[in-house]
Amino acid sequence: MLALAASAAALAASALPAAAGSAAGGVSEGTVGAAELLDRVRDCTRISHGKYRTDQGAPADIPVCGTKEAVFWTADMDIDCDGRSTKVCNRKADPSFQARTAFQTSTGKALDAATLPYIVVPGPGPVWKYAEWGIEGGSVAAVIHEGKVRYAVVGDTGPTGIIGEASYATAKGLGIDPDPRTGGAASGVTYIVFRNSQVTPIEDHTAAVSEGEELARAFVSGG
């Protein structure tokens, strides 16, 4: 019976849709490894006043943790396609599409989720207020999934009780299916946001990688 159960479980896993797994591709950015960063965030000093849900109806079991250099959490990844309307991010591709983002480009336009790696932080609420911890639009984040690291900026805000979301470009860069309807990762995504960091202009991804690499190196070195 155990062998049959294991076989059934394996078949069920192989039949899971892309929403629960990764797409082919994705590469790390910079020279700071995923293992180094994850080792630095093994222990959680909770800074949130409660815990977040990954989705509506899911258990509230995700804390936001903090150190003097960064805040971090490990959750799922839902796909944010909000902002500029493009071939892959639009109302037809994403029923929840909104043509605006909480933070804008240097010219006052919505961010382009299809090309700009950004993450979504929960809107200020009773669980946590990101601004009180030195986080704002343009803050630099390292996003880690299955041994890969990608740098992003804080580009949008989401519901006050839910955490775990990033742009189409962030997911694609990590090899996660970026489809806003069926994509994302069910778990195992770590988000590290460096406190009091800022990329200007927010849409300059090259600058985000450069600053992120420097901040990540200092972070894993312990100061």
Protein backbone atom coordinates (compact mmCIF):
# COMPACT_ATOMS: atom_id res chain seq x y z
CA MET A 1 0.00 0.00 0.00
CA LEU A 2 2.84 2.42 0.80
CA ALA A 3 4.45 1.77 -2.57
CA LEU A 4 1.14 2.35 -4.35
CA ALA A 5 0.57 5.54 -2.39
CA ALA A 6 4.05 6.78 -3.28
CA SER A 7 3.45 6.02 -6.96
CA ALA A 8 0.13 7.83 -6.86
CA ALA A 9 1.76 10.83 -5.21
CA ALA A 10 4.48 10.92 -7.84
CA LEU A 11 1.91 10.78 -10.63
CA ALA A 12 -0.12 13.54 -9.01
CA ALA A 13 2.97 15.72 -8.66
CA SER A 14 3.86 15.22 -12.31
CA ALA A 15 0.35 16.33 -13.26
CA LEU A 16 0.48 19.58 -11.32
CA PRO A 17 0.05 22.71 -13.44
CA ALA A 18 2.86 25.20 -13.97
CA ALA A 19 1.37 27.42 -11.27
CA ALA A 20 2.96 25.21 -8.64
CA GLY A 21 6.36 24.88 -10.23
CA SER A 22 9.04 26.45 -12.38
CA ALA A 23 9.44 27.08 -16.06
CA ALA A 24 12.62 26.23 -17.92
CA GLY A 25 15.42 28.79 -17.80
CA GLY A 26 16.33 31.49 -15.34
CA VAL A 27 19.81 32.46 -14.24
CA SER A 28 21.41 34.04 -11.20
CA GLU A 29 22.62 37.62 -11.19
CA GLY A 30 25.82 38.71 -9.48
CA THR A 31 28.38 36.63 -7.67
CA VAL A 32 26.73 36.27 -4.26
CA GLY A 33 25.28 32.78 -4.14
CA ALA A 34 21.80 31.75 -3.09
CA ALA A 35 23.22 29.47 -0.39
CA GLU A 36 25.19 32.34 1.13
CA LEU A 37 22.13 34.56 1.31
CA LEU A 38 19.86 31.82 2.63
CA ASP A 39 22.38 30.97 5.34
CA ARG A 40 22.18 34.57 6.51
CA VAL A 41 18.39 34.42 6.87
CA ARG A 42 18.04 31.03 8.56
CA ASP A 43 17.02 32.63 11.85
CA CYS A 44 13.98 34.87 12.06
CA THR A 45 13.59 37.78 14.43
CA ARG A 46 9.99 38.64 13.70
CA ILE A 47 9.30 42.32 13.10
CA SER A 48 5.70 42.00 11.89
CA HIS A 49 2.93 42.22 14.50
CA GLY A 50 1.34 39.08 13.14
CA LYS A 51 1.70 36.79 10.14
CA TYR A 52 0.61 37.00 6.52
CA ARG A 53 -1.36 34.71 4.25
CA THR A 54 0.05 33.75 0.85
CA ASP A 55 -3.45 33.78 -0.68
CA GLN A 56 -7.00 34.54 0.35
CA GLY A 57 -8.19 31.70 2.56
CA ALA A 58 -4.69 30.30 3.21
CA PRO A 59 -3.40 30.06 6.80
CA ALA A 60 -1.68 33.14 8.18
CA ASP A 61 1.77 31.65 8.78
CA ILE A 62 4.32 33.92 7.04
CA PRO A 63 6.23 36.30 9.34
CA VAL A 64 8.31 39.25 8.20
CA CYS A 65 11.74 38.98 9.79
CA GLY A 66 14.41 41.62 10.19
CA THR A 67 18.01 42.48 10.91
CA LYS A 68 19.68 45.88 11.01
CA GLU A 69 20.50 45.52 7.30
CA ALA A 70 17.42 43.91 5.77
CA VAL A 71 13.90 42.55 6.12
CA PHE A 72 12.96 39.17 4.68
CA TRP A 73 10.28 36.51 4.29
CA THR A 74 9.81 33.19 2.52
CA ALA A 75 6.51 32.65 0.74
CA ASP A 76 5.02 31.79 -2.63
CA MET A 77 5.21 33.94 -5.75
CA ASP A 78 2.07 35.24 -7.37
CA ILE A 79 2.56 37.09 -10.65
CA ASP A 80 2.03 40.85 -10.75
CA CYS A 81 1.36 42.10 -14.29
CA ASP A 82 0.16 45.56 -13.25
CA GLY A 83 1.46 48.74 -14.82
CA ARG A 84 2.20 49.41 -18.45
CA SER A 85 0.02 47.41 -20.87
CA THR A 86 2.17 45.14 -23.03
CA LYS A 87 1.83 42.01 -25.14
CA VAL A 88 2.11 39.75 -22.07
CA CYS A 89 0.65 42.04 -19.39
CA ASN A 90 -2.78 43.43 -20.23
CA ARG A 91 -6.44 43.03 -19.32
CA LYS A 92 -6.90 40.08 -21.64
CA ALA A 93 -3.88 38.18 -20.29
CA ASP A 94 -4.59 39.05 -16.66
CA PRO A 95 -8.20 39.48 -15.42
CA SER A 96 -6.83 41.34 -12.36
CA PHE A 97 -4.71 43.73 -14.45
CA GLN A 98 -4.45 47.32 -13.27
CA ALA A 99 -2.83 49.99 -15.42
CA ARG A 100 -1.02 51.54 -12.49
CA THR A 101 1.58 50.64 -9.90
CA ALA A 102 2.09 52.11 -6.44
CA PHE A 103 5.42 53.55 -7.55
CA GLN A 104 6.20 55.19 -10.88
CA THR A 105 9.12 55.66 -13.25
CA SER A 106 11.25 58.80 -13.28
CA THR A 107 8.85 60.22 -15.91
CA GLY A 108 5.77 59.54 -13.80
CA LYS A 109 4.57 56.48 -15.72
CA ALA A 110 3.50 53.10 -14.36
CA LEU A 111 6.22 50.45 -14.17
CA ASP A 112 6.54 47.79 -16.87
CA ALA A 113 6.05 44.42 -15.17
CA ALA A 114 7.05 42.57 -18.34
CA THR A 115 10.57 43.98 -18.42
CA LEU A 116 11.33 45.37 -14.93
CA PRO A 117 12.02 42.95 -12.09
CA TYR A 118 10.13 44.28 -9.10
CA ILE A 119 8.50 42.84 -6.00
CA VAL A 120 5.26 43.66 -4.25
CA VAL A 121 5.13 44.49 -0.55
CA PRO A 122 1.92 44.36 1.50
CA GLY A 123 0.23 47.72 1.85
CA PRO A 124 0.63 49.36 5.28
CA GLY A 125 -1.66 47.71 7.78
CA PRO A 126 -1.90 46.27 11.28
CA VAL A 127 0.52 43.42 10.52
CA TRP A 128 3.42 45.51 9.24
CA LYS A 129 4.24 48.97 7.87
CA TYR A 130 7.16 48.66 5.47
CA ALA A 131 8.12 52.36 5.59
CA GLU A 132 8.86 52.10 9.31
CA TRP A 133 11.67 49.70 8.40
CA GLY A 134 13.40 51.83 5.79
CA ILE A 135 11.60 50.29 2.81
CA GLU A 136 10.16 52.40 -0.01
CA GLY A 137 9.57 52.37 -3.74
CA GLY A 138 12.90 51.63 -5.39
CA SER A 139 14.37 49.75 -2.42
CA VAL A 140 16.60 46.89 -3.58
CA ALA A 141 15.61 43.27 -3.09
CA ALA A 142 17.32 39.93 -3.66
CA VAL A 143 14.82 37.25 -4.67
CA ILE A 144 15.90 33.61 -4.32
CA HIS A 145 14.33 30.47 -5.76
CA GLU A 146 15.80 27.02 -6.41
CA GLY A 147 19.41 28.14 -6.15
CA LYS A 148 19.01 31.26 -8.28
CA VAL A 149 19.27 34.92 -7.22
CA ARG A 150 17.70 37.84 -9.06
CA TYR A 151 17.79 41.47 -8.01
CA ALA A 152 14.65 43.59 -8.11
CA VAL A 153 13.20 46.79 -6.71
CA VAL A 154 10.13 47.39 -4.58
CA GLY A 155 7.68 48.44 -7.27
CA ASP A 156 4.13 47.89 -6.09
CA THR A 157 1.99 47.28 -3.02
CA GLY A 158 -0.65 44.63 -2.47
CA PRO A 159 -3.36 43.65 0.03
CA THR A 160 -2.56 44.38 3.67
CA GLY A 161 -2.92 40.74 4.73
CA ILE A 162 -1.21 38.87 1.88
CA ILE A 163 2.46 38.47 0.98
CA GLY A 164 4.43 36.79 -1.82
CA GLU A 165 4.20 38.52 -5.20
CA ALA A 166 6.56 39.80 -7.88
CA SER A 167 6.49 41.07 -11.44
CA TYR A 168 6.35 38.99 -14.62
CA ALA A 169 10.00 39.87 -15.27
CA THR A 170 11.13 38.73 -11.81
CA ALA A 171 9.47 35.35 -12.24
CA LYS A 172 10.82 34.87 -15.75
CA GLY A 173 14.34 35.71 -14.62
CA LEU A 174 14.15 33.01 -11.94
CA GLY A 175 12.78 30.39 -14.31
CA ILE A 176 9.32 30.54 -12.74
CA ASP A 177 6.35 30.40 -15.10
CA PRO A 178 5.40 34.11 -15.42
CA ASP A 179 1.90 33.62 -16.80
CA PRO A 180 -0.40 35.80 -14.64
CA ARG A 181 -3.22 33.25 -14.89
CA THR A 182 -1.43 29.94 -14.38
CA GLY A 183 2.13 30.78 -13.37
CA GLY A 184 3.97 31.51 -10.16
CA ALA A 185 5.54 29.33 -7.50
CA ALA A 186 3.54 27.64 -4.74
CA SER A 187 6.29 28.07 -2.12
CA GLY A 188 10.01 28.34 -1.54
CA VAL A 189 10.66 31.92 -2.66
CA THR A 190 12.76 34.06 -0.33
CA TYR A 191 12.57 37.85 -0.56
CA ILE A 192 15.34 39.91 1.06
CA VAL A 193 14.84 43.70 0.97
CA PHE A 194 17.77 45.87 1.95
CA ARG A 195 16.83 48.63 4.37
CA ASN A 196 17.44 52.27 3.43
CA SER A 197 18.49 51.33 -0.10
CA GLN A 198 17.31 53.17 -3.19
CA VAL A 199 17.65 52.77 -6.95
CA THR A 200 17.30 55.99 -8.91
CA PRO A 201 15.69 55.93 -11.37
CA ILE A 202 13.57 53.03 -10.19
CA GLU A 203 13.40 51.56 -13.71
CA ASP A 204 17.21 51.17 -14.01
CA HIS A 205 17.61 47.42 -13.52
CA THR A 206 21.37 47.56 -14.18
CA ALA A 207 21.68 49.89 -11.20
CA ALA A 208 19.55 47.55 -9.10
CA VAL A 209 21.87 44.63 -9.88
CA SER A 210 24.98 46.69 -9.13
CA GLU A 211 23.67 48.05 -5.83
CA GLY A 212 22.08 44.73 -4.93
CA GLU A 213 25.33 42.87 -5.42
CA GLU A 214 27.16 45.32 -3.17
CA LEU A 215 24.50 45.16 -0.47
CA ALA A 216 24.26 41.38 -0.67
CA ARG A 217 28.02 40.99 -0.32
CA ALA A 218 28.02 43.18 2.79
CA PHE A 219 24.99 41.30 4.13
CA VAL A 220 26.54 37.83 3.89
CA SER A 221 29.76 39.20 5.35
CA GLY A 222 27.84 40.20 8.44
CA GLY A 223 27.97 43.96 8.17
